Amino acid sequence: MLFTAPATKLVANEAVDALVDGCHSAVAAHSRRSFQFAAGLAAEDGVELDEEVLWLGTVLHDIGLSPAADGDERFEVRGANLVRELLSDHGMERDRVANVWDCIAMHASTPLARHKSAETL
């Protein structure tokens, strides 16, 4: 079973463009598969999620590897900061932006992510 991205303007436009334009095709494919796995595991366990947050956090989790997120910090933090700016500029609520930031910044830090939202796991 394949899961579809939520039908929101942000998901359909800006986030996809950032992913496709900013990442190598192998990274983009990996990120899309990550969403499938996360959505599948949540469905199997009956976990209720904010689907848009989950999609943005998984599909953009490696955007920090792209040239758009250049900087001195770890790539996870660079990517999370880039996405936070994108989402804030497009009017997403602050707490949901923070949740996406956590998903991206902590995606390689499972012991920390366990203490955050269901989407972060």
PDB file of N, CA and C in Angstrom:
ATOM      1  N   MET A   1       0.848  -1.180   0.000  1.00  0.00           N
ATOM      2  CA  MET A   1       0.000   0.000   0.000  1.00  0.00           C
ATOM      3  C   MET A   1       0.890   1.239   0.000  1.00  0.00           C
ATOM      4  N   LEU A   2       0.618   2.159  -0.883  1.00  0.00           N
ATOM      5  CA  LEU A   2       1.356   3.419  -0.910  1.00  0.00           C
ATOM      6  C   LEU A   2       0.529   4.508  -0.254  1.00  0.00           C
ATOM      7  N   PHE A   3       1.202   5.357   0.472  1.00  0.00           N
ATOM      8  CA  PHE A   3       0.566   6.482   1.138  1.00  0.00           C
ATOM      9  C   PHE A   3       0.796   7.722   0.295  1.00  0.00           C
ATOM     10  N   THR A   4      -0.201   8.581   0.242  1.00  0.00           N
ATOM     11  CA  THR A   4      -0.083   9.804  -0.549  1.00  0.00           C
ATOM     12  C   THR A   4       0.192  10.991   0.358  1.00  0.00           C
ATOM     13  N   ALA A   5       0.873  11.964  -0.209  1.00  0.00           N
ATOM     14  CA  ALA A   5       1.128  13.202   0.525  1.00  0.00           C
ATOM     15  C   ALA A   5      -0.191  13.904   0.782  1.00  0.00           C
ATOM     16  N   PRO A   6      -0.308  14.583   1.908  1.00  0.00           N
ATOM     17  CA  PRO A   6      -1.537  15.330   2.165  1.00  0.00           C
ATOM     18  C   PRO A   6      -1.727  16.409   1.102  1.00  0.00           C
ATOM     19  N   ALA A   7      -2.963  16.673   0.775  1.00  0.00           N
ATOM     20  CA  ALA A   7      -3.283  17.635  -0.278  1.00  0.00           C
ATOM     21  C   ALA A   7      -3.344  19.046   0.296  1.00  0.00           C
ATOM     22  N   THR A   8      -2.180  19.621   0.528  1.00  0.00           N
ATOM     23  CA  THR A   8      -2.113  20.999   0.996  1.00  0.00           C
ATOM     24  C   THR A   8      -1.309  21.801  -0.015  1.00  0.00           C
ATOM     25  N   LYS A   9      -1.572  23.066  -0.083  1.00  0.00           N
ATOM     26  CA  LYS A   9      -0.856  23.928  -1.029  1.00  0.00           C
ATOM     27  C   LYS A   9       0.649  23.912  -0.756  1.00  0.00           C
ATOM     28  N   LEU A  10       1.025  23.955   0.495  1.00  0.00           N
ATOM     29  CA  LEU A  10       2.445  23.962   0.850  1.00  0.00           C
ATOM     30  C   LEU A  10       3.123  22.673   0.395  1.00  0.00           C
ATOM     31  N   VAL A  11       2.508  21.555   0.674  1.00  0.00           N
ATOM     32  CA  VAL A  11       3.081  20.271   0.280  1.00  0.00           C
ATOM     33  C   VAL A  11       3.151  20.170  -1.243  1.00  0.00           C
ATOM     34  N   ALA A  12       2.117  20.586  -1.909  1.00  0.00           N
ATOM     35  CA  ALA A  12       2.050  20.440  -3.358  1.00  0.00           C
ATOM     36  C   ALA A  12       3.010  21.359  -4.100  1.00  0.00           C
ATOM     37  N   ASN A  13       3.439  22.439  -3.478  1.00  0.00           N
ATOM     38  CA  ASN A  13       4.250  23.405  -4.206  1.00  0.00           C
ATOM     39  C   ASN A  13       5.649  23.591  -3.644  1.00  0.00           C
ATOM     40  N   GLU A  14       5.770  24.394  -2.631  1.00  0.00           N
ATOM     41  CA  GLU A  14       7.072  24.831  -2.145  1.00  0.00           C
ATOM     42  C   GLU A  14       7.962  23.710  -1.623  1.00  0.00           C
ATOM     43  N   ALA A  15       7.423  22.832  -0.810  1.00  0.00           N
ATOM     44  CA  ALA A  15       8.251  21.783  -0.223  1.00  0.00           C
ATOM     45  C   ALA A  15       8.764  20.823  -1.290  1.00  0.00           C
ATOM     46  N   VAL A  16       7.900  20.445  -2.208  1.00  0.00           N
ATOM     47  CA  VAL A  16       8.329  19.549  -3.282  1.00  0.00           C
ATOM     48  C   VAL A  16       9.386  20.228  -4.132  1.00  0.00           C
ATOM     49  N   ASP A  17       9.172  21.482  -4.468  1.00  0.00           N
ATOM     50  CA  ASP A  17      10.156  22.217  -5.269  1.00  0.00           C
ATOM     51  C   ASP A  17      11.503  22.277  -4.559  1.00  0.00           C
ATOM     52  N   ALA A  18      11.496  22.541  -3.261  1.00  0.00           N
ATOM     53  CA  ALA A  18      12.750  22.611  -2.501  1.00  0.00           C
ATOM     54  C   ALA A  18      13.466  21.272  -2.536  1.00  0.00           C
ATOM     55  N   LEU A  19      12.716  20.203  -2.390  1.00  0.00           N
ATOM     56  CA  LEU A  19      13.313  18.872  -2.408  1.00  0.00           C
ATOM     57  C   LEU A  19      13.868  18.544  -3.787  1.00  0.00           C
ATOM     58  N   VAL A  20      13.052  18.683  -4.794  1.00  0.00           N
ATOM     59  CA  VAL A  20      13.460  18.290  -6.142  1.00  0.00           C
ATOM     60  C   VAL A  20      14.595  19.170  -6.653  1.00  0.00           C
ATOM     61  N   ASP A  21      14.500  20.456  -6.447  1.00  0.00           N
ATOM     62  CA  ASP A  21      15.521  21.372  -6.954  1.00  0.00           C
ATOM     63  C   ASP A  21      16.802  21.353  -6.128  1.00  0.00           C
ATOM     64  N   GLY A  22      16.706  20.995  -4.861  1.00  0.00           N
ATOM     65  CA  GLY A  22      17.847  21.129  -3.982  1.00  0.00           C
ATOM     66  C   GLY A  22      18.643  19.877  -3.698  1.00  0.00           C
ATOM     67  N   CYS A  23      18.087  18.719  -4.005  1.00  0.00           N
ATOM     68  CA  CYS A  23      18.747  17.468  -3.635  1.00  0.00           C
ATOM     69  C   CYS A  23      19.035  16.601  -4.850  1.00  0.00           C
ATOM     70  N   HIS A  24      20.030  15.769  -4.709  1.00  0.00           N
ATOM     71  CA  HIS A  24      20.333  14.755  -5.712  1.00  0.00           C
ATOM     72  C   HIS A  24      19.122  13.819  -5.824  1.00  0.00           C
ATOM     73  N   SER A  25      18.873  13.278  -6.986  1.00  0.00           N
ATOM     74  CA  SER A  25      17.701  12.423  -7.193  1.00  0.00           C
ATOM     75  C   SER A  25      17.682  11.206  -6.263  1.00  0.00           C
ATOM     76  N   ALA A  26      18.850  10.657  -5.922  1.00  0.00           N
ATOM     77  CA  ALA A  26      18.896   9.519  -5.000  1.00  0.00           C
ATOM     78  C   ALA A  26      18.446   9.929  -3.597  1.00  0.00           C
ATOM     79  N   VAL A  27      18.815  11.129  -3.180  1.00  0.00           N
ATOM     80  CA  VAL A  27      18.395  11.631  -1.868  1.00  0.00           C
ATOM     81  C   VAL A  27      16.887  11.884  -1.877  1.00  0.00           C
ATOM     82  N   ALA A  28      16.381  12.448  -2.966  1.00  0.00           N
ATOM     83  CA  ALA A  28      14.943  12.703  -3.079  1.00  0.00           C
ATOM     84  C   ALA A  28      14.157  11.396  -3.004  1.00  0.00           C
ATOM     85  N   ALA A  29      14.630  10.366  -3.712  1.00  0.00           N
ATOM     86  CA  ALA A  29      13.941   9.074  -3.682  1.00  0.00           C
ATOM     87  C   ALA A  29      13.992   8.463  -2.281  1.00  0.00           C
ATOM     88  N   HIS A  30      15.142   8.528  -1.627  1.00  0.00           N
ATOM     89  CA  HIS A  30      15.281   8.037  -0.252  1.00  0.00           C
ATOM     90  C   HIS A  30      14.307   8.758   0.675  1.00  0.00           C
ATOM     91  N   SER A  31      14.191  10.052   0.515  1.00  0.00           N
ATOM     92  CA  SER A  31      13.330  10.843   1.390  1.00  0.00           C
ATOM     93  C   SER A  31      11.866  10.492   1.179  1.00  0.00           C
ATOM     94  N   ARG A  32      11.463  10.277  -0.054  1.00  0.00           N
ATOM     95  CA  ARG A  32      10.079   9.875  -0.327  1.00  0.00           C
ATOM     96  C   ARG A  32       9.801   8.483   0.247  1.00  0.00           C
ATOM     97  N   ARG A  33      10.757   7.585   0.142  1.00  0.00           N
ATOM     98  CA  ARG A  33      10.589   6.255   0.746  1.00  0.00           C
ATOM     99  C   ARG A  33      10.480   6.366   2.265  1.00  0.00           C
ATOM    100  N   SER A  34      11.217   7.288   2.841  1.00  0.00           N
ATOM    101  CA  SER A  34      11.157   7.484   4.295  1.00  0.00           C
ATOM    102  C   SER A  34       9.745   7.827   4.734  1.00  0.00           C
ATOM    103  N   PHE A  35       9.060   8.655   3.938  1.00  0.00           N
ATOM    104  CA  PHE A  35       7.668   8.979   4.247  1.00  0.00           C
ATOM    105  C   PHE A  35       6.815   7.714   4.196  1.00  0.00           C
ATOM    106  N   GLN A  36       7.019   6.898   3.186  1.00  0.00           N
ATOM    107  CA  GLN A  36       6.232   5.669   3.062  1.00  0.00           C
ATOM    108  C   GLN A  36       6.408   4.769   4.282  1.00  0.00           C
ATOM    109  N   PHE A  37       7.654   4.592   4.705  1.00  0.00           N
ATOM    110  CA  PHE A  37       7.916   3.771   5.879  1.00  0.00           C
ATOM    111  C   PHE A  37       7.288   4.374   7.130  1.00  0.00           C
ATOM    112  N   ALA A  38       7.459   5.667   7.330  1.00  0.00           N
ATOM    113  CA  ALA A  38       6.912   6.316   8.530  1.00  0.00           C
ATOM    114  C   ALA A  38       5.390   6.237   8.555  1.00  0.00           C
ATOM    115  N   ALA A  39       4.762   6.536   7.434  1.00  0.00           N
ATOM    116  CA  ALA A  39       3.297   6.482   7.368  1.00  0.00           C
ATOM    117  C   ALA A  39       2.803   5.055   7.558  1.00  0.00           C
ATOM    118  N   GLY A  40       3.510   4.098   6.979  1.00  0.00           N
ATOM    119  CA  GLY A  40       3.124   2.697   7.124  1.00  0.00           C
ATOM    120  C   GLY A  40       3.236   2.205   8.555  1.00  0.00           C
ATOM    121  N   LEU A  41       4.327   2.544   9.210  1.00  0.00           N
ATOM    122  CA  LEU A  41       4.500   2.144  10.607  1.00  0.00           C
ATOM    123  C   LEU A  41       3.438   2.784  11.497  1.00  0.00           C
ATOM    124  N   ALA A  42       3.155   4.054  11.265  1.00  0.00           N
ATOM    125  CA  ALA A  42       2.135   4.738  12.066  1.00  0.00           C
ATOM    126  C   ALA A  42       0.769   4.100  11.849  1.00  0.00           C
ATOM    127  N   ALA A  43       0.439   3.777  10.601  1.00  0.00           N
ATOM    128  CA  ALA A  43      -0.852   3.149  10.305  1.00  0.00           C
ATOM    129  C   ALA A  43      -0.945   1.773  10.961  1.00  0.00           C
ATOM    130  N   GLU A  44       0.115   1.018  10.872  1.00  0.00           N
ATOM    131  CA  GLU A  44       0.142  -0.328  11.471  1.00  0.00           C
ATOM    132  C   GLU A  44      -0.055  -0.270  12.986  1.00  0.00           C
ATOM    133  N   ASP A  45       0.539   0.738  13.614  1.00  0.00           N
ATOM    134  CA  ASP A  45       0.442   0.884  15.071  1.00  0.00           C
ATOM    135  C   ASP A  45      -0.765   1.694  15.521  1.00  0.00           C
ATOM    136  N   GLY A  46      -1.531   2.230  14.566  1.00  0.00           N
ATOM    137  CA  GLY A  46      -2.705   3.025  14.902  1.00  0.00           C
ATOM    138  C   GLY A  46      -2.370   4.370  15.528  1.00  0.00           C
ATOM    139  N   VAL A  47      -1.211   4.924  15.187  1.00  0.00           N
ATOM    140  CA  VAL A  47      -0.771   6.200  15.746  1.00  0.00           C
ATOM    141  C   VAL A  47      -1.384   7.351  14.950  1.00  0.00           C
ATOM    142  N   GLU A  48      -2.020   8.266  15.654  1.00  0.00           N
ATOM    143  CA  GLU A  48      -2.565   9.446  14.990  1.00  0.00           C
ATOM    144  C   GLU A  48      -1.466  10.485  14.829  1.00  0.00           C
ATOM    145  N   LEU A  49      -1.368  11.031  13.623  1.00  0.00           N
ATOM    146  CA  LEU A  49      -0.308  11.979  13.297  1.00  0.00           C
ATOM    147  C   LEU A  49      -0.860  13.194  12.580  1.00  0.00           C
ATOM    148  N   ASP A  50      -0.084  14.237  12.587  1.00  0.00           N
ATOM    149  CA  ASP A  50      -0.313  15.377  11.709  1.00  0.00           C
ATOM    150  C   ASP A  50       0.356  14.988  10.391  1.00  0.00           C
ATOM    151  N   GLU A  51      -0.435  14.605   9.407  1.00  0.00           N
ATOM    152  CA  GLU A  51       0.106  14.071   8.163  1.00  0.00           C
ATOM    153  C   GLU A  51       0.992  15.065   7.417  1.00  0.00           C
ATOM    154  N   GLU A  52       0.634  16.336   7.470  1.00  0.00           N
ATOM    155  CA  GLU A  52       1.460  17.330   6.789  1.00  0.00           C
ATOM    156  C   GLU A  52       2.822  17.467   7.469  1.00  0.00           C
ATOM    157  N   VAL A  53       2.828  17.488   8.786  1.00  0.00           N
ATOM    158  CA  VAL A  53       4.092  17.556   9.528  1.00  0.00           C
ATOM    159  C   VAL A  53       4.930  16.320   9.235  1.00  0.00           C
ATOM    160  N   LEU A  54       4.310  15.146   9.264  1.00  0.00           N
ATOM    161  CA  LEU A  54       5.052  13.926   8.969  1.00  0.00           C
ATOM    162  C   LEU A  54       5.639  13.977   7.564  1.00  0.00           C
ATOM    163  N   TRP A  55       4.840  14.376   6.594  1.00  0.00           N
ATOM    164  CA  TRP A  55       5.316  14.420   5.211  1.00  0.00           C
ATOM    165  C   TRP A  55       6.478  15.397   5.069  1.00  0.00           C
ATOM    166  N   LEU A  56       6.303  16.603   5.574  1.00  0.00           N
ATOM    167  CA  LEU A  56       7.367  17.607   5.457  1.00  0.00           C
ATOM    168  C   LEU A  56       8.624  17.172   6.204  1.00  0.00           C
ATOM    169  N   GLY A  57       8.454  16.627   7.378  1.00  0.00           N
ATOM    170  CA  GLY A  57       9.607  16.211   8.172  1.00  0.00           C
ATOM    171  C   GLY A  57      10.375  15.048   7.579  1.00  0.00           C
ATOM    172  N   THR A  58       9.663  14.139   6.905  1.00  0.00           N
ATOM    173  CA  THR A  58      10.364  13.003   6.308  1.00  0.00           C
ATOM    174  C   THR A  58      10.889  13.327   4.922  1.00  0.00           C
ATOM    175  N   VAL A  59      10.084  13.946   4.098  1.00  0.00           N
ATOM    176  CA  VAL A  59      10.500  14.208   2.717  1.00  0.00           C
ATOM    177  C   VAL A  59      11.619  15.246   2.658  1.00  0.00           C
ATOM    178  N   LEU A  60      11.689  16.125   3.635  1.00  0.00           N
ATOM    179  CA  LEU A  60      12.735  17.151   3.635  1.00  0.00           C
ATOM    180  C   LEU A  60      13.829  16.880   4.670  1.00  0.00           C
ATOM    181  N   HIS A  61      13.884  15.676   5.215  1.00  0.00           N
ATOM    182  CA  HIS A  61      14.829  15.422   6.311  1.00  0.00           C
ATOM    183  C   HIS A  61      16.298  15.505   5.889  1.00  0.00           C
ATOM    184  N   ASP A  62      16.616  15.336   4.626  1.00  0.00           N
ATOM    185  CA  ASP A  62      18.005  15.429   4.173  1.00  0.00           C
ATOM    186  C   ASP A  62      18.286  16.659   3.320  1.00  0.00           C
ATOM    187  N   ILE A  63      17.393  17.633   3.351  1.00  0.00           N
ATOM    188  CA  ILE A  63      17.587  18.853   2.560  1.00  0.00           C
ATOM    189  C   ILE A  63      18.863  19.591   2.984  1.00  0.00           C
ATOM    190  N   GLY A  64      19.333  19.335   4.180  1.00  0.00           N
ATOM    191  CA  GLY A  64      20.572  19.946   4.659  1.00  0.00           C
ATOM    192  C   GLY A  64      21.801  19.501   3.893  1.00  0.00           C
ATOM    193  N   LEU A  65      21.680  18.454   3.084  1.00  0.00           N
ATOM    194  CA  LEU A  65      22.781  18.003   2.229  1.00  0.00           C
ATOM    195  C   LEU A  65      22.870  18.800   0.932  1.00  0.00           C
ATOM    196  N   SER A  66      21.853  19.614   0.656  1.00  0.00           N
ATOM    197  CA  SER A  66      21.810  20.374  -0.593  1.00  0.00           C
ATOM    198  C   SER A  66      22.602  21.672  -0.474  1.00  0.00           C
ATOM    199  N   PRO A  67      23.013  22.234  -1.599  1.00  0.00           N
ATOM    200  CA  PRO A  67      23.732  23.513  -1.575  1.00  0.00           C
ATOM    201  C   PRO A  67      22.913  24.656  -0.959  1.00  0.00           C
ATOM    202  N   ALA A  68      21.594  24.539  -0.973  1.00  0.00           N
ATOM    203  CA  ALA A  68      20.743  25.586  -0.410  1.00  0.00           C
ATOM    204  C   ALA A  68      20.915  25.737   1.090  1.00  0.00           C
ATOM    205  N   ALA A  69      21.437  24.705   1.733  1.00  0.00           N
ATOM    206  CA  ALA A  69      21.580  24.716   3.191  1.00  0.00           C
ATOM    207  C   ALA A  69      23.044  24.740   3.600  1.00  0.00           C
ATOM    208  N   ASP A  70      23.814  25.530   2.933  1.00  0.00           N
ATOM    209  CA  ASP A  70      25.243  25.632   3.228  1.00  0.00           C
ATOM    210  C   ASP A  70      25.456  26.263   4.598  1.00  0.00           C
ATOM    211  N   GLY A  71      26.490  25.846   5.290  1.00  0.00           N
ATOM    212  CA  GLY A  71      26.802  26.420   6.594  1.00  0.00           C
ATOM    213  C   GLY A  71      27.747  25.547   7.376  1.00  0.00           C
ATOM    214  N   ASP A  72      28.003  25.950   8.628  1.00  0.00           N
ATOM    215  CA  ASP A  72      28.961  25.263   9.484  1.00  0.00           C
ATOM    216  C   ASP A  72      28.334  24.227  10.412  1.00  0.00           C
ATOM    217  N   GLU A  73      27.021  24.283  10.598  1.00  0.00           N
ATOM    218  CA  GLU A  73      26.366  23.365  11.525  1.00  0.00           C
ATOM    219  C   GLU A  73      26.173  21.994  10.876  1.00  0.00           C
ATOM    220  N   ARG A  74      25.805  21.032  11.692  1.00  0.00           N
ATOM    221  CA  ARG A  74      25.487  19.707  11.163  1.00  0.00           C
ATOM    222  C   ARG A  74      24.417  19.834  10.084  1.00  0.00           C
ATOM    223  N   PHE A  75      24.453  18.956   9.091  1.00  0.00           N
ATOM    224  CA  PHE A  75      23.507  19.063   7.983  1.00  0.00           C
ATOM    225  C   PHE A  75      22.054  18.959   8.442  1.00  0.00           C
ATOM    226  N   GLU A  76      21.805  18.196   9.516  1.00  0.00           N
ATOM    227  CA  GLU A  76      20.432  18.077  10.011  1.00  0.00           C
ATOM    228  C   GLU A  76      19.912  19.435  10.491  1.00  0.00           C
ATOM    229  N   VAL A  77      20.742  20.169  11.198  1.00  0.00           N
ATOM    230  CA  VAL A  77      20.339  21.479  11.723  1.00  0.00           C
ATOM    231  C   VAL A  77      20.226  22.492  10.588  1.00  0.00           C
ATOM    232  N   ARG A  78      21.166  22.460   9.656  1.00  0.00           N
ATOM    233  CA  ARG A  78      21.085  23.371   8.499  1.00  0.00           C
ATOM    234  C   ARG A  78      19.783  23.146   7.740  1.00  0.00           C
ATOM    235  N   GLY A  79      19.441  21.897   7.514  1.00  0.00           N
ATOM    236  CA  GLY A  79      18.206  21.589   6.809  1.00  0.00           C
ATOM    237  C   GLY A  79      16.978  22.005   7.592  1.00  0.00           C
ATOM    238  N   ALA A  80      16.983  21.722   8.887  1.00  0.00           N
ATOM    239  CA  ALA A  80      15.844  22.094   9.732  1.00  0.00           C
ATOM    240  C   ALA A  80      15.644  23.607   9.740  1.00  0.00           C
ATOM    241  N   ASN A  81      16.734  24.351   9.800  1.00  0.00           N
ATOM    242  CA  ASN A  81      16.629  25.815   9.782  1.00  0.00           C
ATOM    243  C   ASN A  81      16.086  26.323   8.448  1.00  0.00           C
ATOM    244  N   LEU A  82      16.543  25.730   7.354  1.00  0.00           N
ATOM    245  CA  LEU A  82      16.067  26.123   6.023  1.00  0.00           C
ATOM    246  C   LEU A  82      14.569  25.854   5.889  1.00  0.00           C
ATOM    247  N   VAL A  83      14.135  24.690   6.326  1.00  0.00           N
ATOM    248  CA  VAL A  83      12.720  24.340   6.235  1.00  0.00           C
ATOM    249  C   VAL A  83      11.886  25.196   7.182  1.00  0.00           C
ATOM    250  N   ARG A  84      12.409  25.486   8.375  1.00  0.00           N
ATOM    251  CA  ARG A  84      11.682  26.362   9.304  1.00  0.00           C
ATOM    252  C   ARG A  84      11.394  27.712   8.660  1.00  0.00           C
ATOM    253  N   GLU A  85      12.383  28.262   7.987  1.00  0.00           N
ATOM    254  CA  GLU A  85      12.192  29.547   7.310  1.00  0.00           C
ATOM    255  C   GLU A  85      11.139  29.432   6.211  1.00  0.00           C
ATOM    256  N   LEU A  86      11.206  28.372   5.413  1.00  0.00           N
ATOM    257  CA  LEU A  86      10.240  28.151   4.341  1.00  0.00           C
ATOM    258  C   LEU A  86       8.825  28.055   4.892  1.00  0.00           C
ATOM    259  N   LEU A  87       8.642  27.252   5.922  1.00  0.00           N
ATOM    260  CA  LEU A  87       7.303  27.046   6.480  1.00  0.00           C
ATOM    261  C   LEU A  87       6.778  28.298   7.167  1.00  0.00           C
ATOM    262  N   SER A  88       7.633  28.984   7.890  1.00  0.00           N
ATOM    263  CA  SER A  88       7.221  30.229   8.552  1.00  0.00           C
ATOM    264  C   SER A  88       6.817  31.273   7.524  1.00  0.00           C
ATOM    265  N   ASP A  89       7.584  31.376   6.448  1.00  0.00           N
ATOM    266  CA  ASP A  89       7.270  32.336   5.382  1.00  0.00           C
ATOM    267  C   ASP A  89       5.943  32.033   4.699  1.00  0.00           C
ATOM    268  N   HIS A  90       5.510  30.781   4.776  1.00  0.00           N
ATOM    269  CA  HIS A  90       4.255  30.383   4.145  1.00  0.00           C
ATOM    270  C   HIS A  90       3.107  30.243   5.138  1.00  0.00           C
ATOM    271  N   GLY A  91       3.301  30.768   6.340  1.00  0.00           N
ATOM    272  CA  GLY A  91       2.203  30.891   7.290  1.00  0.00           C
ATOM    273  C   GLY A  91       1.854  29.668   8.113  1.00  0.00           C
ATOM    274  N   MET A  92       2.701  28.672   8.146  1.00  0.00           N
ATOM    275  CA  MET A  92       2.402  27.518   8.998  1.00  0.00           C
ATOM    276  C   MET A  92       2.493  27.942  10.463  1.00  0.00           C
ATOM    277  N   GLU A  93       1.630  27.367  11.292  1.00  0.00           N
ATOM    278  CA  GLU A  93       1.593  27.695  12.708  1.00  0.00           C
ATOM    279  C   GLU A  93       2.936  27.347  13.368  1.00  0.00           C
ATOM    280  N   ARG A  94       3.321  28.190  14.319  1.00  0.00           N
ATOM    281  CA  ARG A  94       4.629  28.085  14.972  1.00  0.00           C
ATOM    282  C   ARG A  94       4.886  26.712  15.600  1.00  0.00           C
ATOM    283  N   ASP A  95       3.886  26.138  16.284  1.00  0.00           N
ATOM    284  CA  ASP A  95       4.107  24.843  16.928  1.00  0.00           C
ATOM    285  C   ASP A  95       4.279  23.724  15.909  1.00  0.00           C
ATOM    286  N   ARG A  96       3.605  23.809  14.771  1.00  0.00           N
ATOM    287  CA  ARG A  96       3.767  22.806  13.723  1.00  0.00           C
ATOM    288  C   ARG A  96       5.122  22.963  13.035  1.00  0.00           C
ATOM    289  N   VAL A  97       5.549  24.213  12.844  1.00  0.00           N
ATOM    290  CA  VAL A  97       6.888  24.469  12.289  1.00  0.00           C
ATOM    291  C   VAL A  97       7.938  23.869  13.213  1.00  0.00           C
ATOM    292  N   ALA A  98       7.772  24.075  14.509  1.00  0.00           N
ATOM    293  CA  ALA A  98       8.726  23.527  15.481  1.00  0.00           C
ATOM    294  C   ALA A  98       8.745  22.005  15.432  1.00  0.00           C
ATOM    295  N   ASN A  99       7.608  21.395  15.217  1.00  0.00           N
ATOM    296  CA  ASN A  99       7.534  19.945  15.122  1.00  0.00           C
ATOM    297  C   ASN A  99       8.283  19.446  13.877  1.00  0.00           C
ATOM    298  N   VAL A 100       8.117  20.120  12.753  1.00  0.00           N
ATOM    299  CA  VAL A 100       8.860  19.756  11.538  1.00  0.00           C
ATOM    300  C   VAL A 100      10.359  19.950  11.783  1.00  0.00           C
ATOM    301  N   TRP A 101      10.726  21.050  12.434  1.00  0.00           N
ATOM    302  CA  TRP A 101      12.141  21.297  12.742  1.00  0.00           C
ATOM    303  C   TRP A 101      12.706  20.125  13.551  1.00  0.00           C
ATOM    304  N   ASP A 102      11.970  19.695  14.565  1.00  0.00           N
ATOM    305  CA  ASP A 102      12.413  18.565  15.376  1.00  0.00           C
ATOM    306  C   ASP A 102      12.593  17.304  14.529  1.00  0.00           C
ATOM    307  N   CYS A 103      11.634  17.035  13.657  1.00  0.00           N
ATOM    308  CA  CYS A 103      11.717  15.849  12.801  1.00  0.00           C
ATOM    309  C   CYS A 103      13.005  15.849  11.994  1.00  0.00           C
ATOM    310  N   ILE A 104      13.339  16.981  11.425  1.00  0.00           N
ATOM    311  CA  ILE A 104      14.518  17.078  10.566  1.00  0.00           C
ATOM    312  C   ILE A 104      15.799  17.105  11.390  1.00  0.00           C
ATOM    313  N   ALA A 105      15.850  17.956  12.385  1.00  0.00           N
ATOM    314  CA  ALA A 105      17.082  18.126  13.164  1.00  0.00           C
ATOM    315  C   ALA A 105      17.441  16.881  13.961  1.00  0.00           C
ATOM    316  N   MET A 106      16.447  16.112  14.371  1.00  0.00           N
ATOM    317  CA  MET A 106      16.706  14.949  15.225  1.00  0.00           C
ATOM    318  C   MET A 106      16.599  13.627  14.497  1.00  0.00           C
ATOM    319  N   HIS A 107      16.511  13.643  13.185  1.00  0.00           N
ATOM    320  CA  HIS A 107      16.266  12.372  12.493  1.00  0.00           C
ATOM    321  C   HIS A 107      17.412  11.378  12.649  1.00  0.00           C
ATOM    322  N   ALA A 108      18.575  11.837  12.983  1.00  0.00           N
ATOM    323  CA  ALA A 108      19.701  10.927  13.220  1.00  0.00           C
ATOM    324  C   ALA A 108      20.002  10.793  14.715  1.00  0.00           C
ATOM    325  N   SER A 109      19.108  11.287  15.539  1.00  0.00           N
ATOM    326  CA  SER A 109      19.300  11.280  16.998  1.00  0.00           C
ATOM    327  C   SER A 109      18.113  10.601  17.674  1.00  0.00           C
ATOM    328  N   THR A 110      17.925   9.347  17.392  1.00  0.00           N
ATOM    329  CA  THR A 110      16.762   8.614  17.897  1.00  0.00           C
ATOM    330  C   THR A 110      16.584   8.716  19.408  1.00  0.00           C
ATOM    331  N   PRO A 111      17.648   8.622  20.219  1.00  0.00           N
ATOM    332  CA  PRO A 111      17.423   8.724  21.666  1.00  0.00           C
ATOM    333  C   PRO A 111      16.785  10.056  22.080  1.00  0.00           C
ATOM    334  N   LEU A 112      17.081  11.125  21.375  1.00  0.00           N
ATOM    335  CA  LEU A 112      16.458  12.412  21.671  1.00  0.00           C
ATOM    336  C   LEU A 112      15.057  12.487  21.087  1.00  0.00           C
ATOM    337  N   ALA A 113      14.910  12.021  19.862  1.00  0.00           N
ATOM    338  CA  ALA A 113      13.629  12.113  19.169  1.00  0.00           C
ATOM    339  C   ALA A 113      12.517  11.358  19.899  1.00  0.00           C
ATOM    340  N   ARG A 114      12.868  10.315  20.602  1.00  0.00           N
ATOM    341  CA  ARG A 114      11.863   9.535  21.342  1.00  0.00           C
ATOM    342  C   ARG A 114      11.107  10.369  22.360  1.00  0.00           C
ATOM    343  N   HIS A 115      11.680  11.472  22.767  1.00  0.00           N
ATOM    344  CA  HIS A 115      11.062  12.325  23.779  1.00  0.00           C
ATOM    345  C   HIS A 115      10.249  13.458  23.172  1.00  0.00           C
ATOM    346  N   LYS A 116      10.081  13.418  21.874  1.00  0.00           N
ATOM    347  CA  LYS A 116       9.342  14.468  21.185  1.00  0.00           C
ATOM    348  C   LYS A 116       8.025  13.896  20.677  1.00  0.00           C
ATOM    349  N   SER A 117       7.490  14.424  19.591  1.00  0.00           N
ATOM    350  CA  SER A 117       6.177  14.032  19.072  1.00  0.00           C
ATOM    351  C   SER A 117       6.214  12.686  18.346  1.00  0.00           C
ATOM    352  N   ALA A 118       5.031  12.169  18.064  1.00  0.00           N
ATOM    353  CA  ALA A 118       4.923  10.926  17.286  1.00  0.00           C
ATOM    354  C   ALA A 118       5.529  11.101  15.904  1.00  0.00           C
ATOM    355  N   GLU A 119       5.403  12.286  15.317  1.00  0.00           N
ATOM    356  CA  GLU A 119       5.969  12.542  13.991  1.00  0.00           C
ATOM    357  C   GLU A 119       7.490  12.481  14.009  1.00  0.00           C
ATOM    358  N   THR A 120       8.093  12.858  15.111  1.00  0.00           N
ATOM    359  CA  THR A 120       9.552  12.904  15.221  1.00  0.00           C
ATOM    360  C   THR A 120      10.153  11.509  15.263  1.00  0.00           C
ATOM    361  N   LEU A 121       9.412  10.574  15.812  1.00  0.00           N
ATOM    362  CA  LEU A 121       9.931   9.205  15.872  1.00  0.00           C
ATOM    363  C   LEU A 121      10.084   8.661  14.497  1.00  0.00           C
TER     364      LEU A 121
END
